[in-house]
Amino acid sequence: MPAPIFSRVLEGCYVTIDLERRKWATMRTELLRFNGAVERDPAIDAWMKEHAGELGAIAHEWFEMMRKCGDEVRELLHDGHPVACLGDAPFGYVNVFTSHVNVGFFHGAALPDPARLFEGAGKFIRHVKLRPGTATNAAALSRLIDMAYSDIKARVENG
């Protein structure tokens, strides 16, 4: 019978621990990078115009918050929705669905979320689901955006 294994991403490293033999190994994960990020992508402005209305306004508000994180923020459309990057390393995105907007974070699983806004259970990505007419903890979501930017900055600077 194989030994029990525990794996987790900790501080940008993928750590695997063999619980039976009490041995561990660390494997550094590469940062996701997107080619083509620019300071202001006209395709995103067109996307925002295509998504006018209540849901589009929500997406626009939160993407603007990402754009204002720092002078190094770049952007592009990836998989059909706006993505905010530090250089070419993505940290956040917005997407409009039929009845809600997702504000997503590429390394959300590594961010503290004391207000418990995050949804998702993947290895890296988390999102916050926003619906018109439903109260949003704007202060907590703003903090998540700021933390996501600081987190990607540290990841890029520290390899």
C-alpha atoms as a PDB file:
ATOM      1  CA  MET A   1       0.000   0.000   0.000  1.00  0.00           C
ATOM      2  CA  PRO A   2       1.434   3.423  -0.942  1.00  0.00           C
ATOM      3  CA  ALA A   3       2.530   5.743   1.836  1.00  0.00           C
ATOM      4  CA  PRO A   4       0.116   8.572   2.692  1.00  0.00           C
ATOM      5  CA  ILE A   5       1.123  11.755   0.932  1.00  0.00           C
ATOM      6  CA  PHE A   6       0.203  15.344   1.789  1.00  0.00           C
ATOM      7  CA  SER A   7       0.795  18.121  -0.749  1.00  0.00           C
ATOM      8  CA  ARG A   8       0.189  21.846  -0.476  1.00  0.00           C
ATOM      9  CA  VAL A   9       1.323  25.102  -2.052  1.00  0.00           C
ATOM     10  CA  LEU A  10       3.160  27.179   0.550  1.00  0.00           C
ATOM     11  CA  GLU A  11       4.768  30.524  -0.241  1.00  0.00           C
ATOM     12  CA  GLY A  12       5.058  29.788  -3.967  1.00  0.00           C
ATOM     13  CA  CYS A  13       6.462  26.289  -3.502  1.00  0.00           C
ATOM     14  CA  TYR A  14       4.689  22.989  -3.986  1.00  0.00           C
ATOM     15  CA  VAL A  15       5.518  20.934  -0.878  1.00  0.00           C
ATOM     16  CA  THR A  16       4.995  17.175  -0.761  1.00  0.00           C
ATOM     17  CA  ILE A  17       5.330  15.273   2.499  1.00  0.00           C
ATOM     18  CA  ASP A  18       5.467  11.490   2.817  1.00  0.00           C
ATOM     19  CA  LEU A  19       3.686  11.091   6.152  1.00  0.00           C
ATOM     20  CA  GLU A  20       4.800   7.483   6.717  1.00  0.00           C
ATOM     21  CA  ARG A  21       8.506   8.031   6.100  1.00  0.00           C
ATOM     22  CA  ARG A  22       8.480  11.617   7.402  1.00  0.00           C
ATOM     23  CA  LYS A  23      10.312  12.870   4.319  1.00  0.00           C
ATOM     24  CA  TRP A  24       9.471  15.988   2.368  1.00  0.00           C
ATOM     25  CA  ALA A  25      10.333  17.571  -0.955  1.00  0.00           C
ATOM     26  CA  THR A  26       9.828  21.069  -2.256  1.00  0.00           C
ATOM     27  CA  MET A  27       9.202  21.909  -5.880  1.00  0.00           C
ATOM     28  CA  ARG A  28       9.047  25.534  -6.940  1.00  0.00           C
ATOM     29  CA  THR A  29       6.084  26.401  -9.093  1.00  0.00           C
ATOM     30  CA  GLU A  30       6.624  28.614 -12.111  1.00  0.00           C
ATOM     31  CA  LEU A  31       4.627  31.821 -12.328  1.00  0.00           C
ATOM     32  CA  LEU A  32       1.901  31.954 -14.920  1.00  0.00           C
ATOM     33  CA  ARG A  33       2.835  34.498 -17.595  1.00  0.00           C
ATOM     34  CA  PHE A  34       0.750  36.041 -20.378  1.00  0.00           C
ATOM     35  CA  ASN A  35       2.342  37.529 -23.500  1.00  0.00           C
ATOM     36  CA  GLY A  36       0.878  40.728 -24.865  1.00  0.00           C
ATOM     37  CA  ALA A  37      -0.062  42.617 -21.698  1.00  0.00           C
ATOM     38  CA  VAL A  38      -0.041  46.375 -22.323  1.00  0.00           C
ATOM     39  CA  GLU A  39      -0.535  49.509 -20.247  1.00  0.00           C
ATOM     40  CA  ARG A  40      -4.051  50.112 -21.562  1.00  0.00           C
ATOM     41  CA  ASP A  41      -5.622  47.536 -23.878  1.00  0.00           C
ATOM     42  CA  PRO A  42      -8.270  48.981 -26.243  1.00  0.00           C
ATOM     43  CA  ALA A  43      -9.794  45.484 -26.433  1.00  0.00           C
ATOM     44  CA  ILE A  44     -10.704  45.771 -22.743  1.00  0.00           C
ATOM     45  CA  ASP A  45     -12.383  49.117 -23.292  1.00  0.00           C
ATOM     46  CA  ALA A  46     -14.379  47.497 -26.119  1.00  0.00           C
ATOM     47  CA  TRP A  47     -15.222  44.560 -23.818  1.00  0.00           C
ATOM     48  CA  MET A  48     -16.516  46.989 -21.201  1.00  0.00           C
ATOM     49  CA  LYS A  49     -18.717  48.712 -23.817  1.00  0.00           C
ATOM     50  CA  GLU A  50     -20.084  45.311 -24.900  1.00  0.00           C
ATOM     51  CA  HIS A  51     -20.942  44.552 -21.283  1.00  0.00           C
ATOM     52  CA  ALA A  52     -22.898  47.697 -20.527  1.00  0.00           C
ATOM     53  CA  GLY A  53     -25.665  47.567 -17.964  1.00  0.00           C
ATOM     54  CA  GLU A  54     -25.706  46.653 -14.321  1.00  0.00           C
ATOM     55  CA  LEU A  55     -23.339  43.673 -14.517  1.00  0.00           C
ATOM     56  CA  GLY A  56     -20.916  45.527 -16.763  1.00  0.00           C
ATOM     57  CA  ALA A  57     -20.847  48.460 -14.355  1.00  0.00           C
ATOM     58  CA  ILE A  58     -19.892  46.114 -11.509  1.00  0.00           C
ATOM     59  CA  ALA A  59     -17.106  44.543 -13.598  1.00  0.00           C
ATOM     60  CA  HIS A  60     -15.853  47.961 -14.692  1.00  0.00           C
ATOM     61  CA  GLU A  61     -15.748  49.300 -11.124  1.00  0.00           C
ATOM     62  CA  TRP A  62     -13.602  46.422  -9.840  1.00  0.00           C
ATOM     63  CA  PHE A  63     -11.338  46.246 -12.878  1.00  0.00           C
ATOM     64  CA  GLU A  64     -10.651  49.957 -12.461  1.00  0.00           C
ATOM     65  CA  MET A  65      -9.572  49.189  -8.896  1.00  0.00           C
ATOM     66  CA  MET A  66      -7.072  46.650 -10.275  1.00  0.00           C
ATOM     67  CA  ARG A  67      -5.804  49.135 -12.846  1.00  0.00           C
ATOM     68  CA  LYS A  68      -5.034  51.622 -10.060  1.00  0.00           C
ATOM     69  CA  CYS A  69      -2.885  49.219  -8.017  1.00  0.00           C
ATOM     70  CA  GLY A  70       0.386  50.540  -9.406  1.00  0.00           C
ATOM     71  CA  ASP A  71       2.277  52.036 -12.333  1.00  0.00           C
ATOM     72  CA  GLU A  72       3.446  48.577 -13.428  1.00  0.00           C
ATOM     73  CA  VAL A  73      -0.090  47.224 -13.970  1.00  0.00           C
ATOM     74  CA  ARG A  74      -0.617  45.898 -17.477  1.00  0.00           C
ATOM     75  CA  GLU A  75      -3.715  44.298 -18.953  1.00  0.00           C
ATOM     76  CA  LEU A  76      -5.027  42.061 -21.686  1.00  0.00           C
ATOM     77  CA  LEU A  77      -8.018  39.984 -22.676  1.00  0.00           C
ATOM     78  CA  HIS A  78      -7.415  36.326 -21.849  1.00  0.00           C
ATOM     79  CA  ASP A  79     -10.050  33.663 -22.468  1.00  0.00           C
ATOM     80  CA  GLY A  80     -12.425  36.465 -23.409  1.00  0.00           C
ATOM     81  CA  HIS A  81     -12.258  38.536 -20.228  1.00  0.00           C
ATOM     82  CA  PRO A  82     -10.131  41.370 -18.774  1.00  0.00           C
ATOM     83  CA  VAL A  83      -7.018  40.365 -16.834  1.00  0.00           C
ATOM     84  CA  ALA A  84      -4.795  42.660 -14.748  1.00  0.00           C
ATOM     85  CA  CYS A  85      -1.090  41.810 -14.585  1.00  0.00           C
ATOM     86  CA  LEU A  86       2.106  43.018 -12.995  1.00  0.00           C
ATOM     87  CA  GLY A  87       4.124  43.122 -16.191  1.00  0.00           C
ATOM     88  CA  ASP A  88       3.178  39.768 -17.716  1.00  0.00           C
ATOM     89  CA  ALA A  89       2.246  38.007 -14.437  1.00  0.00           C
ATOM     90  CA  PRO A  90      -1.536  38.022 -13.865  1.00  0.00           C
ATOM     91  CA  PHE A  91      -3.014  38.812 -10.473  1.00  0.00           C
ATOM     92  CA  GLY A  92      -6.707  39.503 -11.091  1.00  0.00           C
ATOM     93  CA  TYR A  93      -9.562  39.385 -13.547  1.00  0.00           C
ATOM     94  CA  VAL A  94     -13.240  40.184 -13.963  1.00  0.00           C
ATOM     95  CA  ASN A  95     -15.864  38.306 -15.924  1.00  0.00           C
ATOM     96  CA  VAL A  96     -19.560  38.870 -16.528  1.00  0.00           C
ATOM     97  CA  PHE A  97     -22.016  35.985 -16.476  1.00  0.00           C
ATOM     98  CA  THR A  98     -25.791  35.891 -16.915  1.00  0.00           C
ATOM     99  CA  SER A  99     -26.663  36.948 -13.370  1.00  0.00           C
ATOM    100  CA  HIS A 100     -23.367  37.737 -11.637  1.00  0.00           C
ATOM    101  CA  VAL A 101     -19.830  39.057 -11.975  1.00  0.00           C
ATOM    102  CA  ASN A 102     -16.712  37.208 -10.869  1.00  0.00           C
ATOM    103  CA  VAL A 103     -13.781  39.185  -9.507  1.00  0.00           C
ATOM    104  CA  GLY A 104     -10.997  36.620  -9.615  1.00  0.00           C
ATOM    105  CA  PHE A 105      -7.505  36.190  -8.245  1.00  0.00           C
ATOM    106  CA  PHE A 106      -4.873  33.999  -9.882  1.00  0.00           C
ATOM    107  CA  HIS A 107      -3.132  33.259  -6.549  1.00  0.00           C
ATOM    108  CA  GLY A 108      -6.231  33.651  -4.394  1.00  0.00           C
ATOM    109  CA  ALA A 109      -5.654  30.368  -2.573  1.00  0.00           C
ATOM    110  CA  ALA A 110      -2.550  31.925  -0.991  1.00  0.00           C
ATOM    111  CA  LEU A 111      -4.332  35.084   0.213  1.00  0.00           C
ATOM    112  CA  PRO A 112      -5.912  35.511   3.638  1.00  0.00           C
ATOM    113  CA  ASP A 113      -9.660  36.025   3.387  1.00  0.00           C
ATOM    114  CA  PRO A 114     -10.950  36.907   6.862  1.00  0.00           C
ATOM    115  CA  ALA A 115     -14.263  38.199   5.436  1.00  0.00           C
ATOM    116  CA  ARG A 116     -14.757  34.809   3.719  1.00  0.00           C
ATOM    117  CA  LEU A 117     -15.578  36.270   0.331  1.00  0.00           C
ATOM    118  CA  PHE A 118     -13.736  33.693  -1.763  1.00  0.00           C
ATOM    119  CA  GLU A 119     -15.369  30.894  -3.678  1.00  0.00           C
ATOM    120  CA  GLY A 120     -13.551  28.049  -5.401  1.00  0.00           C
ATOM    121  CA  ALA A 121     -11.489  25.114  -4.267  1.00  0.00           C
ATOM    122  CA  GLY A 122      -8.767  24.866  -6.912  1.00  0.00           C
ATOM    123  CA  LYS A 123      -5.056  24.778  -6.253  1.00  0.00           C
ATOM    124  CA  PHE A 124      -4.507  28.477  -7.039  1.00  0.00           C
ATOM    125  CA  ILE A 125      -7.459  30.545  -8.287  1.00  0.00           C
ATOM    126  CA  ARG A 126     -10.266  31.983  -6.167  1.00  0.00           C
ATOM    127  CA  HIS A 127     -13.070  34.377  -7.085  1.00  0.00           C
ATOM    128  CA  VAL A 128     -15.637  36.602  -5.441  1.00  0.00           C
ATOM    129  CA  LYS A 129     -19.135  36.417  -6.915  1.00  0.00           C
ATOM    130  CA  LEU A 130     -21.010  39.739  -7.062  1.00  0.00           C
ATOM    131  CA  ARG A 131     -24.707  40.075  -7.839  1.00  0.00           C
ATOM    132  CA  PRO A 132     -26.732  43.227  -8.520  1.00  0.00           C
ATOM    133  CA  GLY A 133     -28.905  44.191  -5.582  1.00  0.00           C
ATOM    134  CA  THR A 134     -26.793  42.150  -3.150  1.00  0.00           C
ATOM    135  CA  ALA A 135     -24.581  43.930  -0.628  1.00  0.00           C
ATOM    136  CA  THR A 136     -20.859  43.743  -1.321  1.00  0.00           C
ATOM    137  CA  ASN A 137     -18.202  44.040   1.374  1.00  0.00           C
ATOM    138  CA  ALA A 138     -16.353  46.631  -0.714  1.00  0.00           C
ATOM    139  CA  ALA A 139     -13.660  47.264   1.890  1.00  0.00           C
ATOM    140  CA  ALA A 140     -12.794  43.563   2.126  1.00  0.00           C
ATOM    141  CA  LEU A 141     -12.803  43.120  -1.659  1.00  0.00           C
ATOM    142  CA  SER A 142     -10.576  46.194  -2.044  1.00  0.00           C
ATOM    143  CA  ARG A 143      -8.161  44.671   0.469  1.00  0.00           C
ATOM    144  CA  LEU A 144      -8.119  41.396  -1.495  1.00  0.00           C
ATOM    145  CA  ILE A 145      -7.227  43.295  -4.673  1.00  0.00           C
ATOM    146  CA  ASP A 146      -4.446  45.180  -2.875  1.00  0.00           C
ATOM    147  CA  MET A 147      -3.143  41.934  -1.338  1.00  0.00           C
ATOM    148  CA  ALA A 148      -3.245  40.156  -4.714  1.00  0.00           C
ATOM    149  CA  TYR A 149      -1.170  42.940  -6.253  1.00  0.00           C
ATOM    150  CA  SER A 150       1.328  42.903  -3.359  1.00  0.00           C
ATOM    151  CA  ASP A 151       1.482  39.111  -3.544  1.00  0.00           C
ATOM    152  CA  ILE A 152       2.249  39.000  -7.280  1.00  0.00           C
ATOM    153  CA  LYS A 153       4.809  41.773  -6.833  1.00  0.00           C
ATOM    154  CA  ALA A 154       6.613  39.714  -4.177  1.00  0.00           C
ATOM    155  CA  ARG A 155       6.427  36.577  -6.351  1.00  0.00           C
ATOM    156  CA  VAL A 156       7.908  38.393  -9.356  1.00  0.00           C
ATOM    157  CA  GLU A 157      10.630  40.142  -7.334  1.00  0.00           C
ATOM    158  CA  ASN A 158      11.640  37.057  -5.321  1.00  0.00           C
ATOM    159  CA  GLY A 159      11.498  34.563  -8.150  1.00  0.00           C
END
